[in-house]
N, C-alpha and C. Protein backbone atom coordinates (compact mmCIF):
# COMPACT_ATOMS: atom_id res chain seq x y z
N MET A 1 -59.01 -16.14 -64.33
CA MET A 1 -58.35 -15.65 -65.58
C MET A 1 -59.20 -14.56 -66.21
N ASP A 2 -58.53 -13.59 -66.68
CA ASP A 2 -59.13 -12.44 -67.33
C ASP A 2 -59.95 -12.90 -68.62
N ALA A 3 -61.17 -12.37 -68.73
CA ALA A 3 -62.08 -12.85 -69.78
C ALA A 3 -61.49 -12.43 -71.20
N GLU A 4 -60.93 -11.25 -71.15
CA GLU A 4 -60.46 -10.76 -72.49
C GLU A 4 -59.28 -11.62 -72.94
N LEU A 5 -58.38 -12.02 -72.00
CA LEU A 5 -57.27 -12.83 -72.41
C LEU A 5 -57.73 -14.24 -72.78
N LEU A 6 -58.68 -14.78 -71.98
CA LEU A 6 -59.25 -16.03 -72.30
C LEU A 6 -59.88 -16.11 -73.75
N ASN A 7 -60.45 -15.03 -74.21
CA ASN A 7 -61.06 -14.97 -75.62
C ASN A 7 -59.96 -15.09 -76.65
N LEU A 8 -58.70 -14.71 -76.30
CA LEU A 8 -57.59 -14.72 -77.31
C LEU A 8 -56.81 -16.08 -77.32
N LEU A 9 -56.99 -16.92 -76.36
CA LEU A 9 -56.15 -18.11 -76.27
C LEU A 9 -56.72 -19.25 -77.15
N VAL A 10 -55.77 -19.96 -77.94
CA VAL A 10 -56.10 -20.98 -78.69
C VAL A 10 -55.19 -22.11 -78.58
N CYS A 11 -55.48 -23.33 -78.89
CA CYS A 11 -54.59 -24.43 -78.95
C CYS A 11 -53.37 -24.24 -79.86
N PRO A 12 -52.20 -24.42 -79.35
CA PRO A 12 -51.11 -24.18 -80.22
C PRO A 12 -51.03 -25.06 -81.47
N LYS A 13 -51.69 -26.26 -81.40
CA LYS A 13 -51.56 -27.16 -82.56
C LYS A 13 -52.80 -26.96 -83.44
N THR A 14 -54.04 -26.99 -82.91
CA THR A 14 -55.23 -26.96 -83.82
C THR A 14 -55.76 -25.54 -83.99
N LYS A 15 -55.26 -24.60 -83.12
CA LYS A 15 -55.71 -23.19 -83.10
C LYS A 15 -57.25 -23.08 -82.92
N ARG A 16 -57.78 -24.08 -82.07
CA ARG A 16 -59.13 -23.96 -81.63
C ARG A 16 -59.18 -23.24 -80.36
N LYS A 17 -60.24 -22.64 -80.05
CA LYS A 17 -60.49 -21.84 -78.78
C LYS A 17 -60.30 -22.72 -77.60
N LEU A 18 -59.70 -22.16 -76.64
CA LEU A 18 -59.59 -22.87 -75.29
C LEU A 18 -60.58 -22.26 -74.31
N ILE A 19 -61.08 -23.04 -73.46
CA ILE A 19 -61.99 -22.63 -72.43
C ILE A 19 -61.39 -23.08 -71.05
N LEU A 20 -61.87 -22.49 -69.89
CA LEU A 20 -61.41 -22.88 -68.64
C LEU A 20 -61.98 -24.30 -68.40
N ALA A 21 -61.16 -25.17 -67.86
CA ALA A 21 -61.61 -26.53 -67.50
C ALA A 21 -62.57 -26.38 -66.28
N PRO A 22 -63.74 -27.15 -66.38
CA PRO A 22 -64.60 -27.21 -65.20
C PRO A 22 -64.01 -27.94 -63.98
N PRO A 23 -64.55 -27.60 -62.95
CA PRO A 23 -63.98 -28.24 -61.75
C PRO A 23 -64.03 -29.74 -61.69
N GLU A 24 -65.14 -30.41 -62.28
CA GLU A 24 -65.12 -31.90 -62.39
C GLU A 24 -63.99 -32.43 -63.21
N LEU A 25 -63.57 -31.65 -64.30
CA LEU A 25 -62.46 -32.15 -65.07
C LEU A 25 -61.19 -32.03 -64.33
N ILE A 26 -61.00 -31.01 -63.56
CA ILE A 26 -59.81 -30.80 -62.80
C ILE A 26 -59.84 -31.91 -61.69
N ASP A 27 -60.90 -32.21 -60.99
CA ASP A 27 -60.96 -33.36 -60.11
C ASP A 27 -60.52 -34.68 -60.73
N GLU A 28 -61.12 -35.01 -61.94
CA GLU A 28 -60.74 -36.21 -62.63
C GLU A 28 -59.31 -36.19 -62.99
N LEU A 29 -58.75 -35.14 -63.46
CA LEU A 29 -57.25 -34.96 -63.75
C LEU A 29 -56.42 -35.31 -62.45
N ASN A 30 -56.80 -34.60 -61.38
CA ASN A 30 -56.12 -34.75 -60.17
C ASN A 30 -56.13 -36.22 -59.71
N GLY A 31 -57.30 -36.89 -59.89
CA GLY A 31 -57.30 -38.33 -59.50
C GLY A 31 -56.34 -39.14 -60.32
N GLN A 32 -56.21 -38.88 -61.57
CA GLN A 32 -55.27 -39.61 -62.43
C GLN A 32 -53.82 -39.32 -62.04
N ILE A 33 -53.55 -38.01 -61.56
CA ILE A 33 -52.28 -37.55 -61.02
C ILE A 33 -51.89 -38.34 -59.78
N SER A 34 -52.88 -38.40 -58.83
CA SER A 34 -52.67 -39.09 -57.61
C SER A 34 -52.36 -40.53 -57.64
N ASP A 35 -53.03 -41.15 -58.74
CA ASP A 35 -52.85 -42.48 -59.08
C ASP A 35 -51.54 -42.84 -59.83
N GLY A 36 -50.81 -41.85 -60.17
CA GLY A 36 -49.58 -41.94 -60.89
C GLY A 36 -49.82 -42.28 -62.32
N LYS A 37 -50.96 -41.99 -62.93
CA LYS A 37 -51.35 -42.39 -64.25
C LYS A 37 -51.41 -41.23 -65.22
N CYS A 38 -50.70 -40.10 -64.99
CA CYS A 38 -50.89 -38.96 -65.84
C CYS A 38 -49.59 -38.48 -66.38
N THR A 39 -49.41 -38.40 -67.71
CA THR A 39 -48.31 -37.91 -68.39
C THR A 39 -48.66 -36.86 -69.41
N ASN A 40 -47.79 -35.97 -69.70
CA ASN A 40 -48.05 -35.06 -70.81
C ASN A 40 -47.81 -35.62 -72.16
N ILE A 41 -48.09 -34.92 -73.19
CA ILE A 41 -47.87 -35.44 -74.55
C ILE A 41 -46.49 -35.72 -74.84
N GLY A 42 -45.61 -34.92 -74.20
CA GLY A 42 -44.19 -35.22 -74.34
C GLY A 42 -43.58 -36.34 -73.63
N GLY A 43 -44.47 -37.02 -72.74
CA GLY A 43 -44.12 -38.34 -72.06
C GLY A 43 -43.64 -38.02 -70.57
N GLU A 44 -43.68 -36.79 -70.16
CA GLU A 44 -43.24 -36.42 -68.74
C GLU A 44 -44.38 -36.75 -67.86
N LYS A 45 -44.01 -37.37 -66.71
CA LYS A 45 -45.01 -37.70 -65.69
C LYS A 45 -45.45 -36.32 -64.95
N ILE A 46 -46.77 -36.24 -64.73
CA ILE A 46 -47.36 -35.05 -64.07
C ILE A 46 -47.44 -35.56 -62.58
N SER A 47 -46.84 -34.86 -61.61
CA SER A 47 -46.95 -35.30 -60.26
C SER A 47 -47.65 -34.25 -59.36
N ASP A 48 -47.76 -33.00 -59.73
CA ASP A 48 -48.31 -31.99 -58.85
C ASP A 48 -49.67 -31.81 -59.19
N PRO A 49 -50.56 -31.62 -58.14
CA PRO A 49 -52.03 -31.40 -58.39
C PRO A 49 -52.25 -30.18 -59.21
N VAL A 50 -53.32 -30.12 -59.99
CA VAL A 50 -53.77 -29.03 -60.87
C VAL A 50 -54.79 -28.16 -60.17
N GLU A 51 -54.60 -26.90 -60.21
CA GLU A 51 -55.59 -26.03 -59.67
C GLU A 51 -56.44 -25.33 -60.83
N GLU A 52 -55.87 -25.10 -61.92
CA GLU A 52 -56.47 -24.38 -63.09
C GLU A 52 -55.90 -25.02 -64.30
N ALA A 53 -56.73 -24.97 -65.38
CA ALA A 53 -56.34 -25.48 -66.70
C ALA A 53 -57.26 -25.00 -67.78
N LEU A 54 -56.74 -24.98 -68.95
CA LEU A 54 -57.56 -24.67 -70.13
C LEU A 54 -57.78 -26.00 -70.92
N PHE A 55 -58.92 -26.01 -71.57
CA PHE A 55 -59.44 -27.16 -72.15
C PHE A 55 -59.84 -26.94 -73.66
N GLU A 56 -59.34 -27.73 -74.54
CA GLU A 56 -59.59 -27.71 -75.96
C GLU A 56 -60.47 -28.91 -76.20
N ALA A 57 -61.74 -28.67 -76.14
CA ALA A 57 -62.80 -29.78 -76.09
C ALA A 57 -62.76 -30.60 -77.34
N GLU A 58 -62.65 -30.15 -78.59
CA GLU A 58 -62.65 -30.84 -79.73
C GLU A 58 -61.53 -31.89 -79.79
N GLY A 59 -60.29 -31.56 -79.41
CA GLY A 59 -59.17 -32.26 -79.46
C GLY A 59 -58.89 -33.06 -78.22
N LYS A 60 -59.62 -32.82 -77.16
CA LYS A 60 -59.48 -33.40 -75.89
C LYS A 60 -58.06 -33.26 -75.31
N VAL A 61 -57.58 -32.04 -75.39
CA VAL A 61 -56.30 -31.72 -74.76
C VAL A 61 -56.49 -30.57 -73.71
N ILE A 62 -55.81 -30.83 -72.63
CA ILE A 62 -55.85 -29.87 -71.54
C ILE A 62 -54.52 -29.22 -71.25
N TYR A 63 -54.47 -27.91 -71.14
CA TYR A 63 -53.17 -27.18 -70.83
C TYR A 63 -53.20 -26.61 -69.45
N LEU A 64 -52.17 -26.78 -68.73
CA LEU A 64 -52.17 -26.35 -67.30
C LEU A 64 -51.85 -24.80 -67.25
N ILE A 65 -52.44 -24.23 -66.23
CA ILE A 65 -52.10 -22.89 -65.84
C ILE A 65 -51.33 -22.98 -64.64
N LEU A 66 -50.06 -22.59 -64.68
CA LEU A 66 -49.14 -22.65 -63.53
C LEU A 66 -48.85 -21.16 -63.16
N GLU A 67 -49.06 -20.85 -61.83
CA GLU A 67 -48.85 -19.54 -61.30
C GLU A 67 -49.37 -18.46 -62.08
N SER A 68 -50.68 -18.71 -62.58
CA SER A 68 -51.51 -17.74 -63.33
C SER A 68 -51.11 -17.61 -64.69
N ILE A 69 -50.22 -18.49 -65.23
CA ILE A 69 -49.64 -18.37 -66.58
C ILE A 69 -50.18 -19.65 -67.44
N PRO A 70 -50.93 -19.48 -68.39
CA PRO A 70 -51.15 -20.70 -69.24
C PRO A 70 -49.98 -21.22 -69.96
N VAL A 71 -49.68 -22.51 -69.82
CA VAL A 71 -48.64 -23.13 -70.51
C VAL A 71 -49.11 -23.82 -71.77
N LEU A 72 -48.92 -23.01 -72.86
CA LEU A 72 -49.47 -23.36 -74.12
C LEU A 72 -48.38 -23.95 -75.14
N ILE A 73 -47.85 -24.92 -74.67
CA ILE A 73 -46.77 -25.67 -75.41
C ILE A 73 -47.42 -27.04 -75.61
N TYR A 74 -47.59 -27.43 -76.80
CA TYR A 74 -48.32 -28.72 -77.22
C TYR A 74 -47.71 -29.92 -76.39
N GLU A 75 -46.43 -30.06 -76.35
CA GLU A 75 -45.85 -31.20 -75.82
C GLU A 75 -46.18 -31.18 -74.30
N ASN A 76 -46.49 -30.10 -73.68
CA ASN A 76 -46.85 -29.93 -72.23
C ASN A 76 -48.37 -30.19 -71.95
N GLY A 77 -49.07 -30.32 -72.94
CA GLY A 77 -50.44 -30.60 -72.91
C GLY A 77 -50.68 -31.94 -72.50
N ILE A 78 -52.00 -32.29 -71.99
CA ILE A 78 -52.36 -33.63 -71.47
C ILE A 78 -53.56 -34.13 -72.41
N ILE A 79 -53.37 -35.26 -72.90
CA ILE A 79 -54.53 -35.81 -73.61
C ILE A 79 -55.52 -36.43 -72.67
N LEU A 80 -56.73 -36.03 -72.84
CA LEU A 80 -57.76 -36.57 -71.80
C LEU A 80 -58.02 -37.98 -72.27
N THR A 81 -58.28 -38.92 -71.29
CA THR A 81 -58.61 -40.18 -71.61
C THR A 81 -60.11 -40.45 -71.65
N LYS A 82 -60.94 -39.51 -71.31
CA LYS A 82 -62.39 -39.72 -71.53
C LYS A 82 -62.89 -38.73 -72.59
């Protein structure tokens, strides 16, 4: 993801800065997805593996990047369990 764009992105709810999710967080999330234990804030089950995501560390919310486009809709965010 372009560094300039990344510097502009914030959580749609808290307005806190978003950062790229580290590989270990993506791996953990994909483990939850493969176990069938991952839903977004809106209650929809996540079934496709994640390649990239943005992370709002203070609020523990992760936002998926799909086809190089950040999906910054709060209901589509995923609350991290750890």
